[in-house]
Protein backbone atom coordinates (compact mmCIF):
# COMPACT_ATOMS: atom_id res chain seq x y z
CA MET A 1 168.41 109.64 193.05
CA SER A 2 169.74 107.81 190.07
CA PHE A 3 168.59 105.12 187.68
CA ALA A 4 167.81 101.75 189.30
CA LEU A 5 167.79 98.81 186.89
CA ARG A 6 165.46 96.88 189.22
CA ASN A 7 162.78 99.56 188.59
CA LEU A 8 162.80 98.97 184.81
CA CYS A 9 160.66 96.17 183.42
CA VAL A 10 159.29 94.96 180.10
CA LEU A 11 155.51 95.23 179.72
CA ALA A 12 155.31 93.91 176.15
CA TYR A 13 157.59 92.78 173.35
CA ALA A 14 156.72 92.03 169.72
CA ASN A 15 158.44 92.32 166.33
CA GLY A 16 161.54 93.98 167.76
CA PHE A 17 159.54 96.59 169.70
CA THR A 18 159.59 96.77 173.50
CA LEU A 19 157.21 98.64 175.79
CA TRP A 20 159.01 99.43 179.04
CA HIS A 21 157.86 100.69 182.43
CA TYR A 22 160.11 102.61 184.82
CA LYS A 23 158.99 103.24 188.41
CA ALA A 24 160.80 106.36 189.51
CA GLY A 25 160.32 105.97 193.26
CA ALA A 26 161.32 109.21 194.99
CA ASP A 27 162.67 110.83 191.80
CA ALA A 28 160.66 113.70 190.33
CA LEU A 29 159.30 113.24 186.84
CA ASP A 30 161.49 116.06 185.46
CA ASP A 31 164.62 114.29 186.76
CA ILE A 32 163.90 111.13 184.77
CA GLY A 33 165.21 110.65 181.26
CA GLY A 34 167.84 113.38 181.28
CA GLN A 35 171.21 112.97 179.59
CA GLY A 36 172.67 109.63 180.60
CA PHE A 37 169.89 108.68 183.04
CA PHE A 38 169.21 105.34 181.29
CA ALA A 39 172.88 104.67 180.45
CA ASP A 40 172.93 101.41 182.42
CA ALA A 41 170.08 100.10 180.23
CA SER A 42 171.40 101.36 176.89
CA ASN A 43 172.37 97.84 175.81
CA MET A 44 168.75 96.66 176.30
CA MET A 45 166.76 99.57 174.86
CA MET A 46 166.44 100.17 171.14
CA ALA A 47 165.47 103.23 169.13
CA GLY A 48 161.70 103.21 168.66
CA ASP A 49 160.95 101.50 171.97
CA MET A 50 158.49 103.25 174.30
CA VAL A 51 158.90 103.90 178.02
CA MET A 52 156.06 104.54 180.45
CA ILE A 53 157.42 106.42 183.47
CA SER A 54 155.61 106.55 186.82
CA ALA A 55 156.82 109.08 189.37
CA HIS A 56 155.38 110.44 192.61
CA ASP A 57 154.46 113.67 190.83
CA GLY A 58 152.97 112.26 187.62
CA GLY A 59 153.53 110.04 184.61
CA ARG A 60 154.92 110.30 181.11
CA VAL A 61 155.21 108.21 177.97
CA ALA A 62 158.38 108.69 175.94
CA ALA A 63 160.01 107.27 172.84
CA VAL A 64 163.55 105.88 172.96
CA ALA A 65 166.12 107.38 170.62
CA LYS A 66 169.80 106.45 170.43
CA ARG A 67 172.35 109.21 170.07
CA GLN A 68 175.96 108.10 169.73
CA GLY A 69 175.06 104.82 171.43
CA ALA A 70 173.40 106.49 174.40
CA VAL A 71 169.69 106.31 175.21
CA ALA A 72 167.75 109.56 174.96
CA LEU A 73 164.03 109.91 175.63
CA ALA A 74 161.72 112.11 173.58
CA GLU A 75 158.46 112.98 175.31
CA LEU A 76 155.44 112.23 173.16
CA GLN A 77 153.18 115.13 172.30
CA ALA A 78 149.41 114.76 172.10
């Protein structure tokens, strides 16, 4: 499947930082956040924001980075 804007929501916002949640539905966790996946939300997401992703096969927290205007996610390491 592809990105669905209706599955992206804001959990918290403060001081220019946004914590997002994306419910992946039938998409596998490894299919989320690849090149261009969040392109339709690139005008809403800012570098430094965080995204919590829920998928049928697990979850992930990632940081938002902007590369040439496009959103890229960097998985956080423990």
